[in-house]
PDB file of N, CA and C in Angstrom:
ATOM      1  N   MET A   1      -8.730   6.236 -24.172  1.00  0.00           N
ATOM      2  CA  MET A   1      -9.611   5.467 -23.768  1.00  0.00           C
ATOM      3  C   MET A   1     -10.933   5.497 -24.656  1.00  0.00           C
ATOM      4  N   LYS A   2     -11.151   4.825 -25.242  1.00  0.00           N
ATOM      5  CA  LYS A   2     -12.399   4.673 -26.010  1.00  0.00           C
ATOM      6  C   LYS A   2     -13.585   4.613 -26.131  1.00  0.00           C
ATOM      7  N   LYS A   3     -13.890   5.917 -25.835  1.00  0.00           N
ATOM      8  CA  LYS A   3     -15.848   6.015 -25.870  1.00  0.00           C
ATOM      9  C   LYS A   3     -16.648   5.151 -26.755  1.00  0.00           C
ATOM     10  N   PRO A   4     -17.825   4.905 -26.342  1.00  0.00           N
ATOM     11  CA  PRO A   4     -19.266   3.966 -26.325  1.00  0.00           C
ATOM     12  C   PRO A   4     -19.394   5.320 -28.402  1.00  0.00           C
ATOM     13  N   LYS A   5     -19.683   4.822 -29.216  1.00  0.00           N
ATOM     14  CA  LYS A   5     -20.699   5.097 -30.290  1.00  0.00           C
ATOM     15  C   LYS A   5     -22.056   5.355 -29.531  1.00  0.00           C
ATOM     16  N   SER A   6     -22.720   6.645 -29.599  1.00  0.00           N
ATOM     17  CA  SER A   6     -23.785   6.521 -29.104  1.00  0.00           C
ATOM     18  C   SER A   6     -24.803   5.799 -29.206  1.00  0.00           C
ATOM     19  N   THR A   7     -25.695   5.713 -28.931  1.00  0.00           N
ATOM     20  CA  THR A   7     -26.853   4.879 -28.903  1.00  0.00           C
ATOM     21  C   THR A   7     -28.090   4.960 -28.201  1.00  0.00           C
ATOM     22  N   LEU A   8     -28.245   7.127 -27.975  1.00  0.00           N
ATOM     23  CA  LEU A   8     -29.450   7.407 -27.503  1.00  0.00           C
ATOM     24  C   LEU A   8     -30.472   7.768 -29.228  1.00  0.00           C
ATOM     25  N   LYS A   9     -30.966   7.438 -28.336  1.00  0.00           N
ATOM     26  CA  LYS A   9     -32.094   7.694 -29.694  1.00  0.00           C
ATOM     27  C   LYS A   9     -33.644   8.420 -28.797  1.00  0.00           C
ATOM     28  N   LYS A  10     -34.011   8.859 -29.738  1.00  0.00           N
ATOM     29  CA  LYS A  10     -35.402  10.386 -29.330  1.00  0.00           C
ATOM     30  C   LYS A  10     -36.743   9.291 -29.968  1.00  0.00           C
ATOM     31  N   THR A  11     -37.822   9.262 -28.721  1.00  0.00           N
ATOM     32  CA  THR A  11     -38.885   8.695 -28.989  1.00  0.00           C
ATOM     33  C   THR A  11     -39.970   9.286 -30.217  1.00  0.00           C
ATOM     34  N   GLU A  12     -41.217   9.038 -30.633  1.00  0.00           N
ATOM     35  CA  GLU A  12     -41.991   9.472 -31.111  1.00  0.00           C
ATOM     36  C   GLU A  12     -42.878  10.310 -29.233  1.00  0.00           C
ATOM     37  N   SER A  13     -42.670  10.554 -28.586  1.00  0.00           N
ATOM     38  CA  SER A  13     -42.865  10.988 -27.212  1.00  0.00           C
ATOM     39  C   SER A  13     -42.303  11.804 -27.030  1.00  0.00           C
ATOM     40  N   GLY A  14     -40.887  12.174 -27.584  1.00  0.00           N
ATOM     41  CA  GLY A  14     -40.052  13.288 -27.302  1.00  0.00           C
ATOM     42  C   GLY A  14     -39.392  12.514 -26.154  1.00  0.00           C
ATOM     43  N   TRP A  15     -39.403  11.552 -25.461  1.00  0.00           N
ATOM     44  CA  TRP A  15     -38.395  10.521 -24.349  1.00  0.00           C
ATOM     45  C   TRP A  15     -37.219  10.419 -25.363  1.00  0.00           C
ATOM     46  N   VAL A  16     -35.669  10.493 -24.881  1.00  0.00           N
ATOM     47  CA  VAL A  16     -34.243   9.616 -25.498  1.00  0.00           C
ATOM     48  C   VAL A  16     -34.388   8.411 -24.576  1.00  0.00           C
ATOM     49  N   GLU A  17     -34.027   7.352 -25.292  1.00  0.00           N
ATOM     50  CA  GLU A  17     -34.138   6.115 -24.775  1.00  0.00           C
ATOM     51  C   GLU A  17     -32.181   6.231 -25.375  1.00  0.00           C
ATOM     52  N   GLY A  18     -31.639   5.326 -24.541  1.00  0.00           N
ATOM     53  CA  GLY A  18     -29.926   4.517 -24.979  1.00  0.00           C
ATOM     54  C   GLY A  18     -29.906   3.862 -23.355  1.00  0.00           C
ATOM     55  N   SER A  19     -28.383   3.712 -23.350  1.00  0.00           N
ATOM     56  CA  SER A  19     -27.774   3.030 -21.826  1.00  0.00           C
ATOM     57  C   SER A  19     -27.705   4.252 -21.295  1.00  0.00           C
ATOM     58  N   VAL A  20     -27.081   3.843 -19.863  1.00  0.00           N
ATOM     59  CA  VAL A  20     -26.221   4.203 -18.957  1.00  0.00           C
ATOM     60  C   VAL A  20     -24.537   4.713 -19.372  1.00  0.00           C
ATOM     61  N   GLN A  21     -24.277   4.027 -19.975  1.00  0.00           N
ATOM     62  CA  GLN A  21     -23.127   4.207 -20.775  1.00  0.00           C
ATOM     63  C   GLN A  21     -22.729   5.252 -21.807  1.00  0.00           C
ATOM     64  N   SER A  22     -23.911   4.434 -22.396  1.00  0.00           N
ATOM     65  CA  SER A  22     -24.213   6.340 -23.987  1.00  0.00           C
ATOM     66  C   SER A  22     -24.429   7.572 -23.093  1.00  0.00           C
ATOM     67  N   PHE A  23     -25.238   7.427 -22.347  1.00  0.00           N
ATOM     68  CA  PHE A  23     -25.823   9.067 -21.907  1.00  0.00           C
ATOM     69  C   PHE A  23     -24.299   9.713 -20.786  1.00  0.00           C
ATOM     70  N   LEU A  24     -24.078   8.737 -20.275  1.00  0.00           N
ATOM     71  CA  LEU A  24     -22.993   9.187 -19.881  1.00  0.00           C
ATOM     72  C   LEU A  24     -21.356   9.199 -20.537  1.00  0.00           C
ATOM     73  N   GLU A  25     -21.529   9.259 -21.317  1.00  0.00           N
ATOM     74  CA  GLU A  25     -20.684   8.871 -22.274  1.00  0.00           C
ATOM     75  C   GLU A  25     -19.365   8.119 -21.890  1.00  0.00           C
ATOM     76  N   LEU A  26     -19.487   7.594 -21.238  1.00  0.00           N
ATOM     77  CA  LEU A  26     -18.450   5.949 -20.504  1.00  0.00           C
ATOM     78  C   LEU A  26     -17.671   5.104 -20.816  1.00  0.00           C
ATOM     79  N   SER A  27     -16.208   4.963 -21.359  1.00  0.00           N
ATOM     80  CA  SER A  27     -16.252   3.927 -21.989  1.00  0.00           C
ATOM     81  C   SER A  27     -16.313   2.878 -21.277  1.00  0.00           C
ATOM     82  N   ASP A  28     -15.780   1.975 -22.417  1.00  0.00           N
ATOM     83  CA  ASP A  28     -16.131   0.090 -21.978  1.00  0.00           C
ATOM     84  C   ASP A  28     -15.091  -0.032 -20.582  1.00  0.00           C
ATOM     85  N   ALA A  29     -14.125   1.003 -20.149  1.00  0.00           N
ATOM     86  CA  ALA A  29     -12.849   0.593 -19.214  1.00  0.00           C
ATOM     87  C   ALA A  29     -13.737   1.324 -17.634  1.00  0.00           C
ATOM     88  N   GLU A  30     -14.894   1.940 -18.142  1.00  0.00           N
ATOM     89  CA  GLU A  30     -15.024   3.187 -17.021  1.00  0.00           C
ATOM     90  C   GLU A  30     -15.958   2.145 -16.210  1.00  0.00           C
ATOM     91  N   MET A  31     -17.045   1.608 -17.650  1.00  0.00           N
ATOM     92  CA  MET A  31     -18.212   1.030 -17.364  1.00  0.00           C
ATOM     93  C   MET A  31     -17.311  -0.274 -16.232  1.00  0.00           C
ATOM     94  N   GLU A  32     -16.439  -0.742 -16.668  1.00  0.00           N
ATOM     95  CA  GLU A  32     -16.133  -2.613 -15.594  1.00  0.00           C
ATOM     96  C   GLU A  32     -15.397  -1.724 -14.348  1.00  0.00           C
ATOM     97  N   LEU A  33     -15.629  -0.600 -14.065  1.00  0.00           N
ATOM     98  CA  LEU A  33     -14.724  -0.517 -13.177  1.00  0.00           C
ATOM     99  C   LEU A  33     -16.324   0.145 -12.255  1.00  0.00           C
ATOM    100  N   ILE A  34     -16.930   0.313 -12.315  1.00  0.00           N
ATOM    101  CA  ILE A  34     -17.993   0.737 -11.884  1.00  0.00           C
ATOM    102  C   ILE A  34     -18.971  -0.476 -11.772  1.00  0.00           C
ATOM    103  N   GLU A  35     -18.901  -1.464 -12.737  1.00  0.00           N
ATOM    104  CA  GLU A  35     -20.276  -2.945 -12.122  1.00  0.00           C
ATOM    105  C   GLU A  35     -19.098  -3.445 -11.184  1.00  0.00           C
ATOM    106  N   THR A  36     -17.628  -3.324 -11.826  1.00  0.00           N
ATOM    107  CA  THR A  36     -16.744  -3.886 -10.125  1.00  0.00           C
ATOM    108  C   THR A  36     -17.239  -3.900  -9.002  1.00  0.00           C
ATOM    109  N   ARG A  37     -16.693  -1.888  -9.101  1.00  0.00           N
ATOM    110  CA  ARG A  37     -17.306  -2.205  -7.806  1.00  0.00           C
ATOM    111  C   ARG A  37     -18.614  -2.100  -7.074  1.00  0.00           C
ATOM    112  N   LEU A  38     -20.064  -2.250  -7.742  1.00  0.00           N
ATOM    113  CA  LEU A  38     -21.229  -2.314  -6.894  1.00  0.00           C
ATOM    114  C   LEU A  38     -20.983  -3.668  -6.961  1.00  0.00           C
ATOM    115  N   ALA A  39     -20.623  -4.496  -8.029  1.00  0.00           N
ATOM    116  CA  ALA A  39     -20.595  -6.274  -7.256  1.00  0.00           C
ATOM    117  C   ALA A  39     -19.580  -6.533  -6.845  1.00  0.00           C
ATOM    118  N   ALA A  40     -18.879  -6.137  -5.692  1.00  0.00           N
ATOM    119  CA  ALA A  40     -17.810  -5.778  -4.622  1.00  0.00           C
ATOM    120  C   ALA A  40     -19.079  -5.967  -3.867  1.00  0.00           C
ATOM    121  N   SER A  41     -19.734  -4.135  -4.167  1.00  0.00           N
ATOM    122  CA  SER A  41     -20.147  -3.606  -2.958  1.00  0.00           C
ATOM    123  C   SER A  41     -21.331  -4.539  -2.224  1.00  0.00           C
ATOM    124  N   ARG A  42     -22.337  -4.887  -3.389  1.00  0.00           N
ATOM    125  CA  ARG A  42     -23.339  -6.057  -3.321  1.00  0.00           C
ATOM    126  C   ARG A  42     -23.209  -7.454  -1.924  1.00  0.00           C
ATOM    127  N   LEU A  43     -21.871  -7.706  -2.649  1.00  0.00           N
ATOM    128  CA  LEU A  43     -20.709  -9.143  -1.968  1.00  0.00           C
ATOM    129  C   LEU A  43     -20.805  -8.579  -0.707  1.00  0.00           C
ATOM    130  N   LEU A  44     -19.756  -7.094  -0.456  1.00  0.00           N
ATOM    131  CA  LEU A  44     -20.006  -7.224   1.123  1.00  0.00           C
ATOM    132  C   LEU A  44     -21.340  -7.141   1.979  1.00  0.00           C
ATOM    133  N   LYS A  45     -22.201  -6.002   1.226  1.00  0.00           N
ATOM    134  CA  LYS A  45     -23.850  -6.408   2.439  1.00  0.00           C
ATOM    135  C   LYS A  45     -24.316  -7.418   2.784  1.00  0.00           C
ATOM    136  N   ALA A  46     -24.590  -7.892   1.352  1.00  0.00           N
ATOM    137  CA  ALA A  46     -25.030  -9.883   1.471  1.00  0.00           C
ATOM    138  C   ALA A  46     -24.400 -10.912   2.288  1.00  0.00           C
ATOM    139  N   THR A  47     -22.710 -10.310   2.117  1.00  0.00           N
ATOM    140  CA  THR A  47     -21.744 -11.029   4.133  1.00  0.00           C
ATOM    141  C   THR A  47     -22.194 -11.018   4.743  1.00  0.00           C
ATOM    142  N   ARG A  48     -22.152  -9.031   5.120  1.00  0.00           N
ATOM    143  CA  ARG A  48     -22.168  -9.201   6.610  1.00  0.00           C
ATOM    144  C   ARG A  48     -23.985  -9.419   6.793  1.00  0.00           C
ATOM    145  N   GLN A  49     -25.240  -9.217   5.796  1.00  0.00           N
ATOM    146  CA  GLN A  49     -26.358  -9.774   6.484  1.00  0.00           C
ATOM    147  C   GLN A  49     -26.202 -11.365   6.627  1.00  0.00           C
ATOM    148  N   SER A  50     -25.811 -11.908   5.817  1.00  0.00           N
ATOM    149  CA  SER A  50     -26.200 -13.290   5.711  1.00  0.00           C
ATOM    150  C   SER A  50     -24.990 -13.724   7.163  1.00  0.00           C
ATOM    151  N   GLN A  51     -24.267 -12.549   8.001  1.00  0.00           N
ATOM    152  CA  GLN A  51     -23.070 -13.444   9.219  1.00  0.00           C
ATOM    153  C   GLN A  51     -24.023 -12.552   9.884  1.00  0.00           C
ATOM    154  N   LYS A  52     -25.276 -11.839  10.078  1.00  0.00           N
ATOM    155  CA  LYS A  52     -25.880 -11.257  11.137  1.00  0.00           C
ATOM    156  C   LYS A  52     -25.507 -10.345  11.959  1.00  0.00           C
ATOM    157  N   LEU A  53     -24.038  -9.252  10.925  1.00  0.00           N
ATOM    158  CA  LEU A  53     -23.651  -8.393  11.572  1.00  0.00           C
ATOM    159  C   LEU A  53     -24.439  -7.273  11.037  1.00  0.00           C
ATOM    160  N   THR A  54     -23.724  -5.915  12.396  1.00  0.00           N
ATOM    161  CA  THR A  54     -24.821  -4.837  11.986  1.00  0.00           C
ATOM    162  C   THR A  54     -23.844  -3.997  11.222  1.00  0.00           C
ATOM    163  N   GLN A  55     -23.844  -3.156  10.661  1.00  0.00           N
ATOM    164  CA  GLN A  55     -22.385  -2.346  10.065  1.00  0.00           C
ATOM    165  C   GLN A  55     -21.546  -1.801  10.753  1.00  0.00           C
ATOM    166  N   GLN A  56     -22.066  -1.638  12.353  1.00  0.00           N
ATOM    167  CA  GLN A  56     -21.094  -1.096  13.401  1.00  0.00           C
ATOM    168  C   GLN A  56     -19.975  -2.305  13.786  1.00  0.00           C
ATOM    169  N   VAL A  57     -20.484  -3.569  13.868  1.00  0.00           N
ATOM    170  CA  VAL A  57     -20.198  -4.382  14.371  1.00  0.00           C
ATOM    171  C   VAL A  57     -18.729  -4.507  13.005  1.00  0.00           C
ATOM    172  N   ALA A  58     -19.043  -4.478  12.349  1.00  0.00           N
ATOM    173  CA  ALA A  58     -18.574  -5.095  11.188  1.00  0.00           C
ATOM    174  C   ALA A  58     -17.333  -3.813  10.549  1.00  0.00           C
ATOM    175  N   ALA A  59     -18.257  -2.748  11.239  1.00  0.00           N
ATOM    176  CA  ALA A  59     -16.841  -1.867  10.684  1.00  0.00           C
ATOM    177  C   ALA A  59     -15.885  -2.080  11.599  1.00  0.00           C
ATOM    178  N   SER A  60     -16.166  -2.061  12.998  1.00  0.00           N
ATOM    179  CA  SER A  60     -15.496  -2.281  14.395  1.00  0.00           C
ATOM    180  C   SER A  60     -14.581  -3.498  13.858  1.00  0.00           C
ATOM    181  N   LYS A  61     -14.772  -4.557  12.798  1.00  0.00           N
ATOM    182  CA  LYS A  61     -13.753  -5.805  12.464  1.00  0.00           C
ATOM    183  C   LYS A  61     -12.254  -5.060  11.484  1.00  0.00           C
ATOM    184  N   LEU A  62     -13.226  -4.020  10.836  1.00  0.00           N
ATOM    185  CA  LEU A  62     -11.945  -3.099   9.972  1.00  0.00           C
ATOM    186  C   LEU A  62     -11.752  -2.564  10.624  1.00  0.00           C
ATOM    187  N   HIS A  63     -11.656  -1.934  11.678  1.00  0.00           N
ATOM    188  CA  HIS A  63     -11.214  -0.865  12.909  1.00  0.00           C
ATOM    189  C   HIS A  63     -11.318   0.452  11.448  1.00  0.00           C
ATOM    190  N   THR A  64     -12.765   1.163  11.510  1.00  0.00           N
ATOM    191  CA  THR A  64     -13.312   2.490  10.398  1.00  0.00           C
ATOM    192  C   THR A  64     -14.629   2.415  11.327  1.00  0.00           C
ATOM    193  N   SER A  65     -15.004   3.230  10.640  1.00  0.00           N
ATOM    194  CA  SER A  65     -16.782   4.047  11.189  1.00  0.00           C
ATOM    195  C   SER A  65     -17.873   3.425  10.498  1.00  0.00           C
ATOM    196  N   GLN A  66     -18.758   3.356  11.125  1.00  0.00           N
ATOM    197  CA  GLN A  66     -20.131   2.555  10.539  1.00  0.00           C
ATOM    198  C   GLN A  66     -20.329   3.447   8.953  1.00  0.00           C
ATOM    199  N   SER A  67     -20.199   4.680   9.785  1.00  0.00           N
ATOM    200  CA  SER A  67     -20.512   5.299   7.701  1.00  0.00           C
ATOM    201  C   SER A  67     -19.438   5.411   6.816  1.00  0.00           C
ATOM    202  N   ARG A  68     -18.208   4.933   7.607  1.00  0.00           N
ATOM    203  CA  ARG A  68     -17.592   5.389   5.840  1.00  0.00           C
ATOM    204  C   ARG A  68     -18.047   3.338   5.429  1.00  0.00           C
ATOM    205  N   PHE A  69     -18.022   2.066   6.573  1.00  0.00           N
ATOM    206  CA  PHE A  69     -18.944   0.759   5.974  1.00  0.00           C
ATOM    207  C   PHE A  69     -20.211   1.111   5.177  1.00  0.00           C
ATOM    208  N   ALA A  70     -20.651   2.127   5.555  1.00  0.00           N
ATOM    209  CA  ALA A  70     -22.624   2.249   4.575  1.00  0.00           C
ATOM    210  C   ALA A  70     -21.556   2.590   3.671  1.00  0.00           C
ATOM    211  N   LYS A  71     -21.107   3.406   2.859  1.00  0.00           N
ATOM    212  CA  LYS A  71     -20.611   3.905   2.139  1.00  0.00           C
ATOM    213  C   LYS A  71     -20.222   3.194   1.663  1.00  0.00           C
ATOM    214  N   MET A  72     -18.690   1.440   1.576  1.00  0.00           N
ATOM    215  CA  MET A  72     -18.608   0.671   1.057  1.00  0.00           C
ATOM    216  C   MET A  72     -19.591   0.101   0.384  1.00  0.00           C
ATOM    217  N   GLU A  73     -20.605   0.047   1.454  1.00  0.00           N
ATOM    218  CA  GLU A  73     -21.971  -0.905   1.449  1.00  0.00           C
ATOM    219  C   GLU A  73     -22.869   0.034  -0.363  1.00  0.00           C
ATOM    220  N   ALA A  74     -22.477   1.087  -0.276  1.00  0.00           N
ATOM    221  CA  ALA A  74     -23.576   1.658  -0.753  1.00  0.00           C
ATOM    222  C   ALA A  74     -22.960   1.723  -2.249  1.00  0.00           C
ATOM    223  N   GLY A  75     -21.115   1.631  -2.544  1.00  0.00           N
ATOM    224  CA  GLY A  75     -20.941   1.861  -3.769  1.00  0.00           C
ATOM    225  C   GLY A  75     -19.961   2.863  -4.228  1.00  0.00           C
ATOM    226  N   ASP A  76     -19.550   3.335  -2.622  1.00  0.00           N
ATOM    227  CA  ASP A  76     -19.510   4.876  -2.608  1.00  0.00           C
ATOM    228  C   ASP A  76     -17.936   5.067  -3.464  1.00  0.00           C
ATOM    229  N   PRO A  77     -17.848   6.049  -4.367  1.00  0.00           N
ATOM    230  CA  PRO A  77     -16.386   6.151  -5.205  1.00  0.00           C
ATOM    231  C   PRO A  77     -14.670   6.588  -4.373  1.00  0.00           C
ATOM    232  N   SER A  78     -15.719   7.015  -2.998  1.00  0.00           N
ATOM    233  CA  SER A  78     -14.398   7.505  -2.343  1.00  0.00           C
ATOM    234  C   SER A  78     -13.913   6.051  -1.060  1.00  0.00           C
ATOM    235  N   ALA A  79     -15.150   5.183  -1.595  1.00  0.00           N
ATOM    236  CA  ALA A  79     -13.883   3.834  -0.920  1.00  0.00           C
ATOM    237  C   ALA A  79     -13.710   3.238  -2.392  1.00  0.00           C
ATOM    238  N   SER A  80     -12.214   3.002  -1.901  1.00  0.00           N
ATOM    239  CA  SER A  80     -11.222   2.159  -3.183  1.00  0.00           C
ATOM    240  C   SER A  80     -12.370   0.964  -3.199  1.00  0.00           C
ATOM    241  N   LEU A  81     -11.389   0.133  -4.296  1.00  0.00           N
ATOM    242  CA  LEU A  81     -11.611  -1.189  -4.666  1.00  0.00           C
ATOM    243  C   LEU A  81     -10.852  -2.411  -3.467  1.00  0.00           C
ATOM    244  N   ASP A  82      -9.614  -1.396  -3.129  1.00  0.00           N
ATOM    245  CA  ASP A  82      -8.376  -2.206  -2.396  1.00  0.00           C
ATOM    246  C   ASP A  82      -9.635  -2.328  -0.361  1.00  0.00           C
ATOM    247  N   LEU A  83     -10.031  -0.671  -0.391  1.00  0.00           N
ATOM    248  CA  LEU A  83     -10.590  -1.100   1.274  1.00  0.00           C
ATOM    249  C   LEU A  83     -11.633  -2.150   1.089  1.00  0.00           C
ATOM    250  N   LEU A  84     -12.468  -2.277  -0.446  1.00  0.00           N
ATOM    251  CA  LEU A  84     -13.933  -3.158  -0.295  1.00  0.00           C
ATOM    252  C   LEU A  84     -13.343  -4.689  -0.312  1.00  0.00           C
ATOM    253  N   PHE A  85     -12.272  -4.767  -1.096  1.00  0.00           N
ATOM    254  CA  PHE A  85     -11.547  -5.910  -0.934  1.00  0.00           C
ATOM    255  C   PHE A  85     -10.824  -6.488   0.545  1.00  0.00           C
ATOM    256  N   ARG A  86     -10.573  -5.777   0.989  1.00  0.00           N
ATOM    257  CA  ARG A  86      -9.894  -6.267   2.536  1.00  0.00           C
ATOM    258  C   ARG A  86     -11.274  -6.012   3.427  1.00  0.00           C
ATOM    259  N   ALA A  87     -11.999  -5.262   2.687  1.00  0.00           N
ATOM    260  CA  ALA A  87     -13.764  -5.276   4.291  1.00  0.00           C
ATOM    261  C   ALA A  87     -13.793  -6.908   3.498  1.00  0.00           C
ATOM    262  N   LEU A  88     -14.016  -7.084   2.561  1.00  0.00           N
ATOM    263  CA  LEU A  88     -15.018  -8.877   2.369  1.00  0.00           C
ATOM    264  C   LEU A  88     -14.128  -9.652   2.682  1.00  0.00           C
ATOM    265  N   PHE A  89     -12.322  -9.504   2.543  1.00  0.00           N
ATOM    266  CA  PHE A  89     -11.104 -10.595   3.461  1.00  0.00           C
ATOM    267  C   PHE A  89     -11.661 -11.062   4.556  1.00  0.00           C
ATOM    268  N   SER A  90     -11.845  -9.797   5.313  1.00  0.00           N
ATOM    269  CA  SER A  90     -11.868  -9.813   6.401  1.00  0.00           C
ATOM    270  C   SER A  90     -13.431 -10.236   7.621  1.00  0.00           C
ATOM    271  N   LEU A  91     -14.425 -10.478   6.508  1.00  0.00           N
ATOM    272  CA  LEU A  91     -15.262 -11.266   6.874  1.00  0.00           C
ATOM    273  C   LEU A  91     -15.707 -12.601   6.185  1.00  0.00           C
ATOM    274  N   GLY A  92     -14.165 -12.903   5.822  1.00  0.00           N
ATOM    275  CA  GLY A  92     -14.290 -14.450   5.793  1.00  0.00           C
ATOM    276  C   GLY A  92     -14.511 -14.547   3.552  1.00  0.00           C
ATOM    277  N   VAL A  93     -13.976 -14.240   2.985  1.00  0.00           N
ATOM    278  CA  VAL A  93     -14.745 -14.200   1.872  1.00  0.00           C
ATOM    279  C   VAL A  93     -13.321 -14.470   0.934  1.00  0.00           C
ATOM    280  N   SER A  94     -13.738 -15.370   0.610  1.00  0.00           N
ATOM    281  CA  SER A  94     -12.281 -16.542  -0.460  1.00  0.00           C
ATOM    282  C   SER A  94     -12.343 -15.765  -1.499  1.00  0.00           C
ATOM    283  N   ARG A  95     -11.274 -15.584  -1.670  1.00  0.00           N
ATOM    284  CA  ARG A  95     -10.771 -14.924  -3.953  1.00  0.00           C
ATOM    285  C   ARG A  95     -11.484 -15.681  -4.704  1.00  0.00           C
ATOM    286  N   ARG A  96     -11.937 -16.493  -4.314  1.00  0.00           N
ATOM    287  CA  ARG A  96     -12.639 -17.761  -5.553  1.00  0.00           C
ATOM    288  C   ARG A  96     -14.378 -16.724  -5.147  1.00  0.00           C
ATOM    289  N   LYS A  97     -15.088 -16.825  -4.190  1.00  0.00           N
ATOM    290  CA  LYS A  97     -15.799 -16.328  -3.949  1.00  0.00           C
ATOM    291  C   LYS A  97     -16.522 -15.017  -4.148  1.00  0.00           C
ATOM    292  N   LEU A  98     -14.895 -14.174  -4.284  1.00  0.00           N
ATOM    293  CA  LEU A  98     -15.447 -12.974  -4.811  1.00  0.00           C
ATOM    294  C   LEU A  98     -15.101 -13.013  -5.972  1.00  0.00           C
ATOM    295  N   VAL A  99     -14.128 -13.522  -6.824  1.00  0.00           N
ATOM    296  CA  VAL A  99     -13.980 -14.051  -8.079  1.00  0.00           C
ATOM    297  C   VAL A  99     -15.746 -14.019  -9.208  1.00  0.00           C
ATOM    298  N   GLU A 100     -16.072 -15.566  -8.372  1.00  0.00           N
ATOM    299  CA  GLU A 100     -17.656 -15.829  -8.669  1.00  0.00           C
ATOM    300  C   GLU A 100     -18.629 -14.679  -9.034  1.00  0.00           C
ATOM    301  N   ALA A 101     -18.714 -13.441  -7.431  1.00  0.00           N
ATOM    302  CA  ALA A 101     -19.245 -11.643  -7.521  1.00  0.00           C
ATOM    303  C   ALA A 101     -18.896 -11.175  -8.579  1.00  0.00           C
ATOM    304  N   LEU A 102     -18.144 -10.897  -9.100  1.00  0.00           N
ATOM    305  CA  LEU A 102     -17.534 -10.085 -10.393  1.00  0.00           C
ATOM    306  C   LEU A 102     -17.707 -10.558 -11.665  1.00  0.00           C
ATOM    307  N   GLN A 103     -18.153 -11.890 -12.115  1.00  0.00           N
ATOM    308  CA  GLN A 103     -18.572 -12.498 -13.219  1.00  0.00           C
ATOM    309  C   GLN A 103     -19.943 -12.278 -13.505  1.00  0.00           C
TER     310      GLN A 103
END
């Protein structure tokens, strides 16, 4: 994996400016994965809220716990993309809507 060229710059006041990607030395692929997970998590939360469901009710539809569902909405890395996508589809999100959210 190609690591990004560092874009960190020190300011006159001593602060360091740069991107999260550069600071954490993440590759482009790693950043894409993070952004994909966050977009899916945001869509999951927005979908649940638009359906006026509590996390508990949404979790029961997935046969999982409320705490696990909360981790999914928060973009926790312990929640796989497979689980996030399954949750979205269980709440009625179409593949088209998922793709739109990921763009």
